[in-house]
Amino acid sequence: MASKSTEGGDRSGSNDKSSWPELVGIQGEIGEKTITKENPSIKTVIIVTEGSFVTMDFRSDRVRLWVDQQGLITRVPTIA
């Protein structure tokens, strides 16, 4: 039985990425474009400033990009 690689944090059973550790430290807008290009099933990418409040619900079509005051991504973006 062949095993499926989970590189990139893929937990969805498809070949689409679900995690982007390489985006930490870059501008949020660039991260947003990269995510939508690499995983077309993502419908919503939200840029959130550190310290902001967000809902805790899980959505398989959403990624939050946590950014600092300079707009740089501070956490590994994942589907949430």
N, C-alpha and C. Protein backbone atom coordinates (compact mmCIF):
# COMPACT_ATOMS: atom_id res chain seq x y z
N MET A 1 0.84 -1.18 0.00
CA MET A 1 0.00 0.00 0.00
C MET A 1 0.88 1.24 0.00
N ALA A 2 0.64 2.14 -0.91
CA ALA A 2 1.43 3.37 -1.00
C ALA A 2 0.97 4.35 0.07
N SER A 3 1.92 5.05 0.67
CA SER A 3 1.55 6.06 1.66
C SER A 3 1.61 7.43 1.02
N LYS A 4 0.71 8.29 1.44
CA LYS A 4 0.62 9.64 0.89
C LYS A 4 1.50 10.57 1.72
N SER A 5 2.29 11.39 1.06
CA SER A 5 3.13 12.36 1.75
C SER A 5 2.26 13.42 2.39
N THR A 6 2.65 13.84 3.60
CA THR A 6 1.95 14.93 4.28
C THR A 6 2.80 16.18 4.32
N GLU A 7 3.81 16.26 3.46
CA GLU A 7 4.63 17.46 3.40
C GLU A 7 3.75 18.67 3.11
N GLY A 8 4.02 19.75 3.81
CA GLY A 8 3.21 20.94 3.66
C GLY A 8 1.98 20.91 4.56
N GLY A 9 1.90 19.90 5.44
CA GLY A 9 0.81 19.85 6.39
C GLY A 9 -0.50 19.36 5.80
N ASP A 10 -0.47 18.65 4.71
CA ASP A 10 -1.70 18.22 4.05
C ASP A 10 -2.41 17.18 4.89
N ARG A 11 -3.61 17.50 5.33
CA ARG A 11 -4.43 16.58 6.11
C ARG A 11 -5.77 16.34 5.43
N SER A 12 -6.00 16.91 4.30
CA SER A 12 -7.32 16.92 3.68
C SER A 12 -7.60 15.72 2.79
N GLY A 13 -6.62 14.91 2.48
CA GLY A 13 -6.82 13.80 1.58
C GLY A 13 -6.68 14.19 0.12
N SER A 14 -6.39 15.44 -0.16
CA SER A 14 -6.17 15.89 -1.53
C SER A 14 -4.71 16.28 -1.67
N ASN A 15 -4.34 16.73 -2.86
CA ASN A 15 -2.97 17.14 -3.09
C ASN A 15 -2.73 18.61 -2.79
N ASP A 16 -3.76 19.33 -2.37
CA ASP A 16 -3.63 20.75 -2.07
C ASP A 16 -2.90 20.95 -0.75
N LYS A 17 -2.10 22.01 -0.69
CA LYS A 17 -1.39 22.34 0.55
C LYS A 17 -2.35 22.85 1.60
N SER A 18 -2.01 22.64 2.86
CA SER A 18 -2.82 23.17 3.96
C SER A 18 -1.99 23.95 4.96
N SER A 19 -0.68 24.06 4.73
CA SER A 19 0.22 24.77 5.64
C SER A 19 1.35 25.39 4.83
N TRP A 20 1.75 26.61 5.21
CA TRP A 20 2.75 27.36 4.45
C TRP A 20 3.83 27.93 5.38
N PRO A 21 4.70 27.10 5.95
CA PRO A 21 5.74 27.61 6.86
C PRO A 21 6.74 28.54 6.17
N GLU A 22 6.89 28.40 4.87
CA GLU A 22 7.84 29.23 4.13
C GLU A 22 7.40 30.70 4.04
N LEU A 23 6.16 31.01 4.41
CA LEU A 23 5.66 32.38 4.31
C LEU A 23 5.93 33.23 5.55
N VAL A 24 6.37 32.62 6.63
CA VAL A 24 6.66 33.40 7.85
C VAL A 24 7.76 34.40 7.54
N GLY A 25 7.50 35.67 7.88
CA GLY A 25 8.47 36.73 7.67
C GLY A 25 8.28 37.54 6.40
N ILE A 26 7.33 37.14 5.55
CA ILE A 26 7.09 37.92 4.33
C ILE A 26 5.82 38.75 4.48
N GLN A 27 5.58 39.66 3.56
CA GLN A 27 4.40 40.53 3.59
C GLN A 27 3.11 39.70 3.45
N GLY A 28 2.09 40.08 4.22
CA GLY A 28 0.82 39.38 4.19
C GLY A 28 0.19 39.31 2.82
N GLU A 29 0.26 40.39 2.05
CA GLU A 29 -0.35 40.41 0.73
C GLU A 29 0.30 39.41 -0.22
N ILE A 30 1.61 39.25 -0.09
CA ILE A 30 2.32 38.26 -0.91
C ILE A 30 1.90 36.86 -0.49
N GLY A 31 1.78 36.65 0.81
CA GLY A 31 1.33 35.36 1.33
C GLY A 31 -0.06 35.01 0.83
N GLU A 32 -0.94 35.98 0.81
CA GLU A 32 -2.31 35.77 0.34
C GLU A 32 -2.31 35.28 -1.11
N LYS A 33 -1.54 35.92 -1.97
CA LYS A 33 -1.47 35.52 -3.38
C LYS A 33 -0.88 34.12 -3.53
N THR A 34 0.15 33.82 -2.74
CA THR A 34 0.79 32.51 -2.80
C THR A 34 -0.18 31.41 -2.41
N ILE A 35 -0.92 31.62 -1.32
CA ILE A 35 -1.85 30.60 -0.83
C ILE A 35 -2.95 30.34 -1.84
N THR A 36 -3.55 31.38 -2.39
CA THR A 36 -4.64 31.16 -3.34
C THR A 36 -4.15 30.52 -4.64
N LYS A 37 -2.89 30.74 -4.98
CA LYS A 37 -2.31 30.10 -6.17
C LYS A 37 -2.03 28.63 -5.90
N GLU A 38 -1.48 28.32 -4.73
CA GLU A 38 -1.07 26.95 -4.43
C GLU A 38 -2.22 26.05 -3.99
N ASN A 39 -3.32 26.63 -3.50
CA ASN A 39 -4.47 25.82 -3.10
C ASN A 39 -5.75 26.53 -3.53
N PRO A 40 -6.24 26.22 -4.72
CA PRO A 40 -7.42 26.89 -5.25
C PRO A 40 -8.70 26.64 -4.45
N SER A 41 -8.71 25.64 -3.57
CA SER A 41 -9.91 25.39 -2.76
C SER A 41 -10.05 26.38 -1.61
N ILE A 42 -9.01 27.18 -1.34
CA ILE A 42 -9.10 28.21 -0.31
C ILE A 42 -9.91 29.37 -0.87
N LYS A 43 -11.04 29.66 -0.24
CA LYS A 43 -11.93 30.73 -0.70
C LYS A 43 -11.69 32.03 0.05
N THR A 44 -11.16 31.95 1.28
CA THR A 44 -10.98 33.13 2.11
C THR A 44 -9.59 33.13 2.73
N VAL A 45 -8.84 34.20 2.49
CA VAL A 45 -7.57 34.43 3.16
C VAL A 45 -7.72 35.76 3.89
N ILE A 46 -7.59 35.72 5.21
CA ILE A 46 -7.81 36.90 6.03
C ILE A 46 -6.49 37.34 6.65
N ILE A 47 -6.13 38.59 6.47
CA ILE A 47 -4.94 39.15 7.11
C ILE A 47 -5.37 39.73 8.45
N VAL A 48 -4.80 39.20 9.54
CA VAL A 48 -5.19 39.58 10.89
C VAL A 48 -3.97 40.12 11.63
N THR A 49 -4.11 41.29 12.24
CA THR A 49 -3.02 41.86 13.03
C THR A 49 -2.92 41.13 14.36
N GLU A 50 -1.70 40.79 14.78
CA GLU A 50 -1.47 40.14 16.07
C GLU A 50 -2.22 40.89 17.16
N GLY A 51 -2.87 40.15 18.06
CA GLY A 51 -3.61 40.74 19.15
C GLY A 51 -5.09 40.92 18.86
N SER A 52 -5.48 40.72 17.60
CA SER A 52 -6.90 40.85 17.23
C SER A 52 -7.67 39.61 17.69
N PHE A 53 -8.96 39.79 17.90
CA PHE A 53 -9.84 38.68 18.25
C PHE A 53 -10.43 38.07 16.99
N VAL A 54 -10.52 36.73 16.98
CA VAL A 54 -11.11 36.01 15.85
C VAL A 54 -12.00 34.90 16.40
N THR A 55 -12.90 34.40 15.56
CA THR A 55 -13.72 33.26 15.95
C THR A 55 -12.85 32.01 16.00
N MET A 56 -13.28 31.02 16.75
CA MET A 56 -12.51 29.79 16.90
C MET A 56 -13.04 28.65 16.04
N ASP A 57 -14.00 28.92 15.17
CA ASP A 57 -14.55 27.88 14.33
C ASP A 57 -13.54 27.45 13.27
N PHE A 58 -13.65 26.18 12.85
CA PHE A 58 -12.77 25.65 11.81
C PHE A 58 -13.50 25.71 10.48
N ARG A 59 -12.80 26.19 9.47
CA ARG A 59 -13.31 26.19 8.10
C ARG A 59 -12.22 25.66 7.18
N SER A 60 -12.56 24.69 6.37
CA SER A 60 -11.58 24.06 5.48
C SER A 60 -11.26 24.91 4.26
N ASP A 61 -11.95 26.05 4.10
CA ASP A 61 -11.70 26.92 2.95
C ASP A 61 -11.13 28.28 3.38
N ARG A 62 -10.58 28.35 4.60
CA ARG A 62 -10.09 29.64 5.12
C ARG A 62 -8.67 29.50 5.68
N VAL A 63 -7.87 30.53 5.45
CA VAL A 63 -6.54 30.66 6.06
C VAL A 63 -6.45 32.05 6.65
N ARG A 64 -5.97 32.12 7.88
CA ARG A 64 -5.70 33.43 8.49
C ARG A 64 -4.20 33.68 8.43
N LEU A 65 -3.86 34.90 8.02
CA LEU A 65 -2.46 35.32 8.01
C LEU A 65 -2.27 36.29 9.16
N TRP A 66 -1.58 35.86 10.20
CA TRP A 66 -1.29 36.71 11.35
C TRP A 66 -0.08 37.55 11.03
N VAL A 67 -0.24 38.87 11.11
CA VAL A 67 0.85 39.79 10.76
C VAL A 67 1.16 40.73 11.91
N ASP A 68 2.39 41.26 11.91
CA ASP A 68 2.80 42.26 12.90
C ASP A 68 2.45 43.65 12.37
N GLN A 69 2.89 44.67 13.09
CA GLN A 69 2.57 46.05 12.71
C GLN A 69 3.18 46.45 11.37
N GLN A 70 4.22 45.75 10.93
CA GLN A 70 4.84 46.03 9.63
C GLN A 70 4.19 45.22 8.50
N GLY A 71 3.20 44.39 8.84
CA GLY A 71 2.53 43.59 7.83
C GLY A 71 3.23 42.28 7.50
N LEU A 72 4.21 41.88 8.33
CA LEU A 72 4.94 40.63 8.09
C LEU A 72 4.25 39.46 8.79
N ILE A 73 4.15 38.34 8.12
CA ILE A 73 3.51 37.15 8.68
C ILE A 73 4.34 36.64 9.85
N THR A 74 3.64 36.39 10.99
CA THR A 74 4.33 36.00 12.23
C THR A 74 4.09 34.56 12.64
N ARG A 75 3.07 33.92 12.09
CA ARG A 75 2.74 32.52 12.43
C ARG A 75 2.63 31.72 11.14
N VAL A 76 2.86 30.42 11.24
CA VAL A 76 2.72 29.56 10.07
C VAL A 76 1.25 29.57 9.63
N PRO A 77 0.98 30.01 8.41
CA PRO A 77 -0.40 29.99 7.92
C PRO A 77 -0.88 28.55 7.70
N THR A 78 -2.06 28.24 8.22
CA THR A 78 -2.66 26.92 8.05
C THR A 78 -4.15 27.08 7.80
N ILE A 79 -4.73 26.04 7.21
CA ILE A 79 -6.19 26.04 7.04
C ILE A 79 -6.81 26.00 8.42
N ALA A 80 -7.77 26.88 8.64
CA ALA A 80 -8.46 26.93 9.95
C ALA A 80 -9.81 27.55 9.77
